[in-house]
C-alpha atoms as a PDB file:
ATOM      1  CA  MET A   1      24.139  18.289  36.023  1.00  0.00           C
ATOM      2  CA  LYS A   2      22.374  16.481  33.108  1.00  0.00           C
ATOM      3  CA  ASN A   3      18.962  16.646  34.844  1.00  0.00           C
ATOM      4  CA  ALA A   4      19.587  20.377  35.615  1.00  0.00           C
ATOM      5  CA  PHE A   5      20.224  21.137  31.938  1.00  0.00           C
ATOM      6  CA  ILE A   6      17.446  19.285  30.876  1.00  0.00           C
ATOM      7  CA  ARG A   7      14.937  21.079  33.298  1.00  0.00           C
ATOM      8  CA  ILE A   8      16.349  24.353  32.406  1.00  0.00           C
ATOM      9  CA  MET A   9      15.820  23.597  28.514  1.00  0.00           C
ATOM     10  CA  ALA A  10      12.256  22.061  29.233  1.00  0.00           C
ATOM     11  CA  VAL A  11      11.422  25.225  30.943  1.00  0.00           C
ATOM     12  CA  GLY A  12      12.781  27.690  28.291  1.00  0.00           C
ATOM     13  CA  ILE A  13      10.981  25.796  25.426  1.00  0.00           C
ATOM     14  CA  LEU A  14       7.580  25.790  27.239  1.00  0.00           C
ATOM     15  CA  THR A  15       8.102  29.578  28.148  1.00  0.00           C
ATOM     16  CA  THR A  16       8.776  30.505  24.368  1.00  0.00           C
ATOM     17  CA  SER A  17       6.057  28.417  23.065  1.00  0.00           C
ATOM     18  CA  ILE A  18       3.382  29.602  25.297  1.00  0.00           C
ATOM     19  CA  SER A  19       3.129  32.959  23.921  1.00  0.00           C
ATOM     20  CA  ALA A  20       2.366  31.545  20.680  1.00  0.00           C
ATOM     21  CA  PHE A  21      -0.633  29.890  22.029  1.00  0.00           C
ATOM     22  CA  ALA A  22      -1.603  32.785  24.244  1.00  0.00           C
ATOM     23  CA  MET A  23      -4.207  35.095  22.258  1.00  0.00           C
ATOM     24  CA  THR A  24      -5.761  37.928  23.693  1.00  0.00           C
ATOM     25  CA  GLN A  25      -9.604  38.409  23.150  1.00  0.00           C
ATOM     26  CA  ASN A  26      -9.272  40.985  20.932  1.00  0.00           C
ATOM     27  CA  ALA A  27      -7.081  38.985  18.545  1.00  0.00           C
ATOM     28  CA  LYS A  28      -9.512  36.169  19.055  1.00  0.00           C
ATOM     29  CA  ALA A  29     -12.531  38.161  17.976  1.00  0.00           C
ATOM     30  CA  ALA A  30     -10.724  39.734  15.184  1.00  0.00           C
ATOM     31  CA  GLU A  31      -9.924  36.156  14.033  1.00  0.00           C
ATOM     32  CA  GLU A  32     -13.605  34.941  14.163  1.00  0.00           C
ATOM     33  CA  ASN A  33     -14.575  38.067  12.241  1.00  0.00           C
ATOM     34  CA  LYS A  34     -11.933  37.271   9.569  1.00  0.00           C
ATOM     35  CA  ASN A  35     -13.259  33.518   9.347  1.00  0.00           C
ATOM     36  CA  SER A  36     -17.078  34.306   9.604  1.00  0.00           C
ATOM     37  CA  GLY A  37     -17.168  34.440   5.830  1.00  0.00           C
ATOM     38  CA  ALA A  38     -15.052  31.250   5.380  1.00  0.00           C
ATOM     39  CA  THR A  39     -17.696  28.935   6.554  1.00  0.00           C
ATOM     40  CA  ASN A  40     -19.125  28.482   3.134  1.00  0.00           C
ATOM     41  CA  VAL A  41     -15.414  27.867   1.754  1.00  0.00           C
ATOM     42  CA  GLY A  42     -15.113  25.314   4.335  1.00  0.00           C
ATOM     43  CA  THR A  43     -18.433  23.567   2.876  1.00  0.00           C
ATOM     44  CA  ALA A  44     -17.020  24.041  -0.509  1.00  0.00           C
ATOM     45  CA  MET A  45     -13.824  22.372   0.399  1.00  0.00           C
ATOM     46  CA  GLU A  46     -15.475  19.582   2.327  1.00  0.00           C
ATOM     47  CA  SER A  47     -17.424  18.935  -0.878  1.00  0.00           C
ATOM     48  CA  ASN A  48     -14.117  19.019  -2.918  1.00  0.00           C
ATOM     49  CA  VAL A  49     -12.612  16.706  -0.822  1.00  0.00           C
ATOM     50  CA  SER A  50     -15.358  14.339  -0.669  1.00  0.00           C
ATOM     51  CA  MET A  51     -15.206  14.418  -4.655  1.00  0.00           C
ATOM     52  CA  LYS A  52     -11.695  13.803  -4.594  1.00  0.00           C
ATOM     53  CA  LEU A  53     -12.295  10.938  -2.121  1.00  0.00           C
ATOM     54  CA  ASP A  54     -14.894   9.330  -4.364  1.00  0.00           C
ATOM     55  CA  GLU A  55     -12.508   9.734  -7.308  1.00  0.00           C
ATOM     56  CA  LEU A  56      -9.826   7.716  -5.281  1.00  0.00           C
ATOM     57  CA  MET A  57     -12.146   5.192  -4.138  1.00  0.00           C
ATOM     58  CA  ALA A  58     -13.062   4.301  -7.946  1.00  0.00           C
ATOM     59  CA  LYS A  59      -9.662   4.332  -8.667  1.00  0.00           C
ATOM     60  CA  VAL A  60      -9.074   1.839  -5.928  1.00  0.00           C
ATOM     61  CA  ASP A  61     -11.884  -0.441  -7.048  1.00  0.00           C
ATOM     62  CA  GLN A  62     -10.506  -0.148 -10.791  1.00  0.00           C
ATOM     63  CA  LEU A  63      -7.079  -1.208  -9.571  1.00  0.00           C
ATOM     64  CA  HIS A  64      -8.586  -4.112  -7.300  1.00  0.00           C
ATOM     65  CA  GLY A  65     -10.213  -5.325 -10.497  1.00  0.00           C
ATOM     66  CA  GLU A  66      -7.224  -5.169 -12.374  1.00  0.00           C
ATOM     67  CA  LEU A  67      -5.215  -7.003  -9.735  1.00  0.00           C
ATOM     68  CA  GLN A  68      -7.883  -9.690  -9.707  1.00  0.00           C
ATOM     69  CA  GLN A  69      -7.522 -10.075 -13.409  1.00  0.00           C
ATOM     70  CA  LEU A  70      -3.574 -10.339 -13.147  1.00  0.00           C
ATOM     71  CA  GLU A  71      -3.928 -12.748 -10.479  1.00  0.00           C
ATOM     72  CA  THR A  72      -6.154 -15.009 -12.636  1.00  0.00           C
ATOM     73  CA  LYS A  73      -3.816 -14.847 -15.538  1.00  0.00           C
ATOM     74  CA  ASP A  74      -1.022 -15.560 -13.227  1.00  0.00           C
ATOM     75  CA  LYS A  75      -2.725 -18.719 -11.959  1.00  0.00           C
ATOM     76  CA  ASP A  76      -3.637 -19.683 -15.786  1.00  0.00           C
ATOM     77  CA  LYS A  77      -0.039 -19.489 -16.708  1.00  0.00           C
ATOM     78  CA  GLN A  78       1.093 -21.421 -13.654  1.00  0.00           C
ATOM     79  CA  LYS A  79      -1.344 -24.201 -14.511  1.00  0.00           C
ATOM     80  CA  GLU A  80      -0.233 -24.209 -18.058  1.00  0.00           C
ATOM     81  CA  GLN A  81       3.637 -24.148 -16.731  1.00  0.00           C
ATOM     82  CA  ASN A  82       2.797 -26.930 -14.416  1.00  0.00           C
ATOM     83  CA  THR A  83       1.156 -29.103 -17.297  1.00  0.00           C
ATOM     84  CA  ARG A  84       4.144 -28.556 -19.438  1.00  0.00           C
ATOM     85  CA  GLN A  85       6.309 -29.705 -16.746  1.00  0.00           C
ATOM     86  CA  ASP A  86       4.280 -32.872 -16.087  1.00  0.00           C
ATOM     87  CA  ASP A  87       4.231 -33.646 -19.922  1.00  0.00           C
ATOM     88  CA  THR A  88       8.123 -33.114 -19.922  1.00  0.00           C
ATOM     89  CA  ASN A  89       8.493 -35.456 -16.806  1.00  0.00           C
ATOM     90  CA  LYS A  90       6.254 -38.191 -18.457  1.00  0.00           C
ATOM     91  CA  LYS A  91       8.448 -38.036 -21.668  1.00  0.00           C
ATOM     92  CA  ILE A  92      11.532 -38.272 -19.645  1.00  0.00           C
ATOM     93  CA  HIS A  93       9.972 -41.277 -17.589  1.00  0.00           C
ATOM     94  CA  GLN A  94       9.025 -43.039 -20.727  1.00  0.00           C
ATOM     95  CA  GLN A  95      12.370 -42.401 -22.586  1.00  0.00           C
ATOM     96  CA  GLU A  96      14.135 -44.001 -19.408  1.00  0.00           C
ATOM     97  CA  LYS A  97      11.681 -46.935 -19.553  1.00  0.00           C
ATOM     98  CA  GLU A  98      12.740 -47.321 -23.108  1.00  0.00           C
ATOM     99  CA  TRP A  99      16.430 -47.021 -22.665  1.00  0.00           C
ATOM    100  CA  GLU A 100      16.188 -49.629 -19.612  1.00  0.00           C
ATOM    101  CA  HIS A 101      14.094 -52.092 -22.048  1.00  0.00           C
ATOM    102  CA  SER A 102      16.788 -51.634 -24.834  1.00  0.00           C
ATOM    103  CA  LEU A 103      19.567 -52.193 -22.217  1.00  0.00           C
ATOM    104  CA  LEU A 104      17.910 -55.590 -21.056  1.00  0.00           C
ATOM    105  CA  GLY A 105      17.483 -56.611 -24.972  1.00  0.00           C
ATOM    106  CA  ILE A 106      21.149 -55.816 -25.343  1.00  0.00           C
ATOM    107  CA  TYR A 107      22.462 -57.295 -22.275  1.00  0.00           C
ATOM    108  CA  GLY A 108      19.812 -59.899 -21.611  1.00  0.00           C
ATOM    109  CA  GLY A 109      19.110 -59.082 -18.175  1.00  0.00           C
END
C-alpha cells in the first residue's frame, strides 16, 4: 500500500513539474531575443562580482594579519604569565627552605 502511494505521488509530482520545464520554441525564441541585450549586463555583473571578490579577499588578508598579531600578543602574554608563575614558584620554594632551616634551628634536627 505504501509503495503504491509513493509511486502515485512520484508520478503526480513529475507530471506537474515537467510542464514547468517544457517551453515551446516560440517562447524560447522570445526569451533569447529578450536576453540578447543582457550580455553586456552580464559582463558588467561579472566585473562587479570580481570587484566584490577582490574587496573580500583584501578584507580576508587584513583579518588574517590581525589574527597573526593577536596570536603573537597572546603568546607574549602567555610567556610573561609563565615567567611570573615560575618566579612565584621559586619564591615559594625559597620560603619553604627558609622555614625548614628555621625549624631545624629551633628544634635542632
